[in-house]
């Protein structure tokens, strides 16, 4: 399901729900998946969009989000059997998570300096330690427990109905297809979100989530999609639209893909299936 309500769930049930949504034991990009750009990892970095890079084919404008619209979208294929696994909090907390400890970490995980794995680890650590943009709070969760703690703390006071988590779901998918044109079926459904926390997977030997929340206005949508080239492909996709991009760097990849500038209202992107969006449940919805 693309949407799960967790307003009345006890912490252990919330924990199990997130595990099930992420394939039970997985929840991160493989450390070997370093040959492509992760647009979430570089969400506020200066970088150039490449016409040959399918990873950037997730951006669109709010005006594009309407019934019948067609757009090319990249949905990476996740293999649960090879994806990094969550570590128990006690174990994760015992392992240093700092770029200053990178030489030790490479020995710990048996990776050679200069290897693709070493580069991916360094990029993740650097990104996690970087300063947030104005109006943003960020946190790299090294365990599921720490991710949920950050979500609860960030959304505290935003609603008495609890927390809802939404994620992209592939209802039917052709083997090997990661990029194709999709048609928007029906009107996109907006999820009430006075505030949200987005959590994105990062390449690392074990599951790491980069979670962040912005004080500016954002909109969350659930969008039903159908493949154009592969008619049987159906996706219940999560999309987030950022209504204030004035604090983003001019080199942000979305500006280059969409041909817009900082301050443009309505820069949107689809989420891959292993990324999560948390929103508070309004009191009236939980009643």
Protein backbone atom coordinates (compact mmCIF):
# COMPACT_ATOMS: atom_id res chain seq x y z
CA UNK A 1 0.00 0.00 0.00
CA UNK A 2 1.17 3.52 -0.69
CA UNK A 3 -0.29 4.85 2.53
CA UNK A 4 -0.32 3.50 6.06
CA UNK A 5 -1.96 5.12 9.05
CA UNK A 6 -0.24 4.55 12.35
CA UNK A 7 -2.17 6.91 14.56
CA UNK A 8 -3.03 4.45 17.31
CA UNK A 9 -0.17 2.00 16.98
CA UNK A 10 2.17 1.17 19.82
CA UNK A 11 5.90 1.73 19.15
CA UNK A 12 6.58 -1.95 18.48
CA UNK A 13 3.80 -2.11 15.89
CA UNK A 14 5.10 1.04 14.21
CA UNK A 15 8.54 -0.57 14.13
CA UNK A 16 7.18 -3.72 12.48
CA UNK A 17 5.12 -1.71 9.99
CA UNK A 18 8.16 0.19 8.72
CA UNK A 19 10.11 -3.06 8.45
CA UNK A 20 7.37 -4.60 6.33
CA UNK A 21 7.19 -1.56 4.05
CA UNK A 22 10.95 -1.78 3.47
CA UNK A 23 11.00 -5.48 2.67
CA UNK A 24 11.28 -6.76 6.25
CA UNK A 25 15.03 -6.52 6.72
CA UNK A 26 16.30 -4.14 4.08
CA UNK A 27 16.23 -0.41 3.70
CA UNK A 28 19.20 1.12 1.94
CA UNK A 29 21.01 1.46 -1.34
CA UNK A 30 23.67 -1.16 -1.92
CA UNK A 31 27.22 -0.01 -1.24
CA UNK A 32 28.05 -1.33 -4.71
CA UNK A 33 25.42 0.90 -6.35
CA UNK A 34 27.88 3.72 -6.97
CA UNK A 35 27.74 4.15 -10.71
CA UNK A 36 24.77 6.51 -10.69
CA UNK A 37 23.83 9.78 -9.05
CA UNK A 38 21.47 9.74 -6.12
CA UNK A 39 19.50 12.97 -6.44
CA UNK A 40 18.41 12.77 -2.80
CA UNK A 41 21.97 12.44 -1.59
CA UNK A 42 22.90 15.63 -3.43
CA UNK A 43 19.61 17.35 -2.83
CA UNK A 44 21.15 20.73 -2.01
CA UNK A 45 24.58 20.32 -3.61
CA UNK A 46 25.82 22.03 -6.75
CA UNK A 47 25.77 19.52 -9.55
CA UNK A 48 25.03 19.40 -13.26
CA UNK A 49 22.20 17.36 -14.73
CA UNK A 50 23.19 15.00 -17.50
CA UNK A 51 20.89 14.05 -20.32
CA UNK A 52 22.46 10.61 -20.13
CA UNK A 53 21.66 10.17 -16.44
CA UNK A 54 18.27 8.49 -15.95
CA UNK A 55 18.37 9.11 -12.19
CA UNK A 56 17.34 12.74 -12.68
CA UNK A 57 14.14 11.71 -14.47
CA UNK A 58 12.05 12.10 -11.33
CA UNK A 59 11.54 15.88 -11.33
CA UNK A 60 8.48 17.75 -12.58
CA UNK A 61 6.51 20.89 -11.73
CA UNK A 62 3.26 21.10 -9.83
CA UNK A 63 1.56 22.30 -13.01
CA UNK A 64 2.50 18.97 -14.64
CA UNK A 65 0.69 16.95 -11.98
CA UNK A 66 -2.74 16.40 -13.47
CA UNK A 67 -4.87 13.58 -14.76
CA UNK A 68 -3.79 12.36 -18.20
CA UNK A 69 -0.33 13.92 -18.03
CA UNK A 70 2.51 11.83 -19.45
CA UNK A 71 6.10 12.05 -18.22
CA UNK A 72 9.25 9.90 -18.21
CA UNK A 73 10.02 8.60 -14.71
CA UNK A 74 12.93 6.60 -13.35
CA UNK A 75 12.08 4.00 -10.69
CA UNK A 76 15.19 2.01 -9.70
CA UNK A 77 14.84 -1.71 -9.12
CA UNK A 78 15.54 -2.83 -5.56
CA UNK A 79 16.72 -6.34 -4.78
CA UNK A 80 15.87 -7.13 -1.14
CA UNK A 81 18.29 -10.05 -1.10
CA UNK A 82 21.29 -7.79 -1.79
CA UNK A 83 20.21 -4.56 -0.06
CA UNK A 84 21.98 -3.56 3.16
CA UNK A 85 20.18 -4.49 6.35
CA UNK A 86 19.28 -2.54 9.44
CA UNK A 87 21.53 -3.06 12.40
CA UNK A 88 20.11 -3.20 15.92
CA UNK A 89 20.49 0.18 17.55
CA UNK A 90 23.04 -1.06 20.10
CA UNK A 91 25.24 -2.49 17.35
CA UNK A 92 24.87 0.56 15.09
CA UNK A 93 25.75 2.90 17.95
CA UNK A 94 28.94 0.94 18.60
CA UNK A 95 30.29 1.65 15.08
CA UNK A 96 31.78 5.11 14.41
CA UNK A 97 29.86 7.16 11.85
CA UNK A 98 32.26 9.96 10.94
CA UNK A 99 34.39 10.83 7.93
CA UNK A 100 37.29 11.31 10.35
CA UNK A 101 37.04 7.60 11.11
CA UNK A 102 36.94 6.58 7.44
CA UNK A 103 40.34 4.76 7.44
CA UNK A 104 39.20 2.70 10.43
CA UNK A 105 35.79 2.05 8.83
CA UNK A 106 37.33 0.83 5.57
CA UNK A 107 39.39 -1.70 7.52
CA UNK A 108 36.37 -2.63 9.62
CA UNK A 109 34.28 -3.39 6.51
CA UNK A 110 37.24 -4.76 4.49
CA UNK A 111 37.07 -2.17 1.69
CA UNK A 112 40.13 -0.91 -0.15
CA UNK A 113 40.88 2.85 -0.12
CA UNK A 114 39.91 4.35 -3.47
CA UNK A 115 37.43 1.56 -4.28
CA UNK A 116 33.85 2.28 -5.36
CA UNK A 117 32.68 1.18 -1.92
CA UNK A 118 35.13 3.52 -0.18
CA UNK A 119 34.02 6.43 -2.37
CA UNK A 120 30.35 5.74 -1.64
CA UNK A 121 31.00 5.59 2.09
CA UNK A 122 32.95 8.86 2.04
CA UNK A 123 30.21 10.63 0.08
CA UNK A 124 27.53 9.43 2.47
CA UNK A 125 29.49 10.45 5.56
CA UNK A 126 30.33 13.86 4.08
CA UNK A 127 26.72 14.50 3.12
CA UNK A 128 25.45 13.45 6.54
CA UNK A 129 27.88 15.78 8.27
CA UNK A 130 27.13 18.75 6.01
CA UNK A 131 25.26 21.80 7.28
CA UNK A 132 21.51 21.96 6.61
CA UNK A 133 20.09 24.76 4.50
CA UNK A 134 18.23 27.60 6.22
CA UNK A 135 14.99 26.36 7.79
CA UNK A 136 15.94 22.69 7.56
CA UNK A 137 16.66 20.04 10.17
CA UNK A 138 18.47 16.89 9.07
CA UNK A 139 19.65 13.63 10.57
CA UNK A 140 21.24 10.46 9.23
CA UNK A 141 19.67 7.50 10.98
CA UNK A 142 21.94 4.51 11.51
CA UNK A 143 19.12 2.35 12.86
CA UNK A 144 15.36 2.12 12.49
CA UNK A 145 14.92 3.12 16.12
CA UNK A 146 16.93 6.32 15.68
CA UNK A 147 14.97 7.18 12.52
CA UNK A 148 11.65 6.86 14.34
CA UNK A 149 12.96 8.90 17.28
CA UNK A 150 13.91 11.74 14.90
CA UNK A 151 10.52 11.58 13.17
CA UNK A 152 8.61 11.74 16.45
CA UNK A 153 10.73 14.61 17.75
CA UNK A 154 10.42 16.60 14.52
CA UNK A 155 6.66 16.13 14.16
CA UNK A 156 5.88 16.57 17.86
CA UNK A 157 3.00 18.95 18.44
CA UNK A 158 1.89 18.92 14.80
CA UNK A 159 -1.14 16.74 15.39
CA UNK A 160 -2.74 14.66 18.10
CA UNK A 161 -3.74 11.87 15.75
CA UNK A 162 -0.32 10.25 15.51
CA UNK A 163 1.92 9.76 12.48
CA UNK A 164 1.27 8.47 8.97
CA UNK A 165 3.92 7.05 6.67
CA UNK A 166 3.60 6.87 2.88
CA UNK A 167 5.80 5.16 0.32
CA UNK A 168 5.79 4.27 -3.37
CA UNK A 169 4.39 0.85 -4.26
CA UNK A 170 4.77 -1.05 -7.54
CA UNK A 171 1.52 -2.93 -8.12
CA UNK A 172 2.84 -4.57 -11.27
CA UNK A 173 6.24 -4.19 -12.88
CA UNK A 174 7.88 -5.50 -16.04
CA UNK A 175 11.21 -7.21 -15.48
CA UNK A 176 14.22 -4.93 -15.95
CA UNK A 177 12.26 -1.75 -16.74
CA UNK A 178 13.55 1.24 -14.74
CA UNK A 179 12.78 4.18 -17.05
CA UNK A 180 9.69 4.66 -19.17
CA UNK A 181 6.88 7.12 -19.81
CA UNK A 182 3.98 7.00 -17.38
CA UNK A 183 0.43 8.34 -17.58
CA UNK A 184 -1.20 9.89 -14.52
CA UNK A 185 -4.43 8.02 -13.86
CA UNK A 186 -7.12 10.01 -12.10
CA UNK A 187 -6.59 13.13 -10.04
CA UNK A 188 -3.58 13.02 -7.71
CA UNK A 189 -4.63 12.73 -4.06
CA UNK A 190 -3.09 15.30 -1.74
CA UNK A 191 -2.06 14.10 1.71
CA UNK A 192 -2.68 16.69 4.40
CA UNK A 193 0.83 17.61 5.56
CA UNK A 194 1.34 20.75 7.64
CA UNK A 195 4.83 19.36 8.21
CA UNK A 196 6.70 16.33 6.91
CA UNK A 197 9.86 14.30 7.31
CA UNK A 198 11.39 12.70 4.22
CA UNK A 199 13.77 9.79 4.68
CA UNK A 200 16.01 8.72 1.80
CA UNK A 201 18.25 5.67 1.55
CA UNK A 202 22.00 6.21 1.32
CA UNK A 203 24.77 3.91 0.00
CA UNK A 204 26.53 2.28 2.96
CA UNK A 205 27.44 -1.21 4.20
CA UNK A 206 24.36 -1.22 6.44
CA UNK A 207 21.06 0.65 6.19
CA UNK A 208 21.39 4.43 6.51
CA UNK A 209 18.54 6.89 6.04
CA UNK A 210 19.06 10.60 5.41
CA UNK A 211 16.01 12.21 7.02
CA UNK A 212 15.18 15.89 6.83
CA UNK A 213 12.37 18.36 7.32
CA UNK A 214 12.00 21.90 5.98
CA UNK A 215 10.12 24.76 7.60
CA UNK A 216 8.89 25.94 4.20
CA UNK A 217 5.63 24.78 2.62
CA UNK A 218 5.59 21.37 0.96
CA UNK A 219 2.82 19.31 -0.57
CA UNK A 220 2.55 15.50 -0.58
CA UNK A 221 0.62 13.60 -3.24
CA UNK A 222 -0.30 9.99 -3.92
CA UNK A 223 -0.29 9.46 -7.69
CA UNK A 224 -1.60 6.48 -9.66
CA UNK A 225 0.61 5.82 -12.69
CA UNK A 226 0.43 3.45 -15.64
CA UNK A 227 3.30 2.63 -17.98
CA UNK A 228 3.02 3.81 -21.57
CA UNK A 229 5.50 1.43 -23.17
CA UNK A 230 4.59 -1.38 -20.75
CA UNK A 231 0.84 -0.99 -20.37
CA UNK A 232 0.55 -3.45 -17.50
CA UNK A 233 2.96 -1.57 -15.26
CA UNK A 234 1.12 0.17 -12.41
CA UNK A 235 2.58 2.30 -9.63
CA UNK A 236 1.08 4.01 -6.60
CA UNK A 237 3.72 6.71 -6.35
CA UNK A 238 4.52 9.24 -3.66
CA UNK A 239 5.44 12.72 -4.86
CA UNK A 240 6.55 15.76 -2.85
CA UNK A 241 6.32 19.31 -4.17
CA UNK A 242 8.49 22.03 -2.63
CA UNK A 243 6.69 25.35 -2.72
CA UNK A 244 9.66 27.49 -1.65
CA UNK A 245 13.07 26.81 -3.23
CA UNK A 246 14.59 30.22 -2.48
CA UNK A 247 17.26 28.71 -0.18
CA UNK A 248 18.38 26.06 -2.67
CA UNK A 249 21.67 26.44 -4.51
CA UNK A 250 21.51 27.67 -8.09
CA UNK A 251 23.22 24.49 -9.23
CA UNK A 252 20.52 22.22 -7.79
CA UNK A 253 19.89 19.39 -10.23
CA UNK A 254 16.12 20.01 -10.35
CA UNK A 255 16.62 23.56 -11.64
CA UNK A 256 18.74 22.26 -14.48
CA UNK A 257 16.31 19.49 -15.36
CA UNK A 258 13.25 21.76 -15.26
CA UNK A 259 14.89 24.95 -16.55
CA UNK A 260 13.85 27.04 -13.54
CA UNK A 261 15.69 29.11 -10.92
CA UNK A 262 15.83 29.34 -7.11
CA UNK A 263 12.55 30.65 -5.74
CA UNK A 264 10.43 28.73 -8.24
CA UNK A 265 7.29 27.47 -6.50
CA UNK A 266 6.30 23.89 -7.16
CA UNK A 267 9.44 21.82 -7.78
CA UNK A 268 8.29 18.23 -7.39
CA UNK A 269 9.85 14.79 -7.47
CA UNK A 270 8.74 11.18 -7.19
CA UNK A 271 10.12 8.92 -4.47
CA UNK A 272 11.57 5.45 -5.11
CA UNK A 273 9.94 2.56 -3.31
CA UNK A 274 12.40 2.35 -0.40
CA UNK A 275 12.13 6.03 0.59
CA UNK A 276 9.62 7.15 3.21
CA UNK A 277 7.56 10.26 3.93
CA UNK A 278 6.17 10.79 7.42
CA UNK A 279 3.35 13.26 8.11
CA UNK A 280 1.30 14.02 11.22
CA UNK A 281 -2.25 12.72 11.29
CA UNK A 282 -4.75 15.55 11.94
CA UNK A 283 -6.91 15.06 15.00
CA UNK A 284 -10.09 15.05 12.91
CA UNK A 285 -8.71 12.24 10.72
CA UNK A 286 -7.91 10.06 13.73
CA UNK A 287 -11.30 10.50 15.33
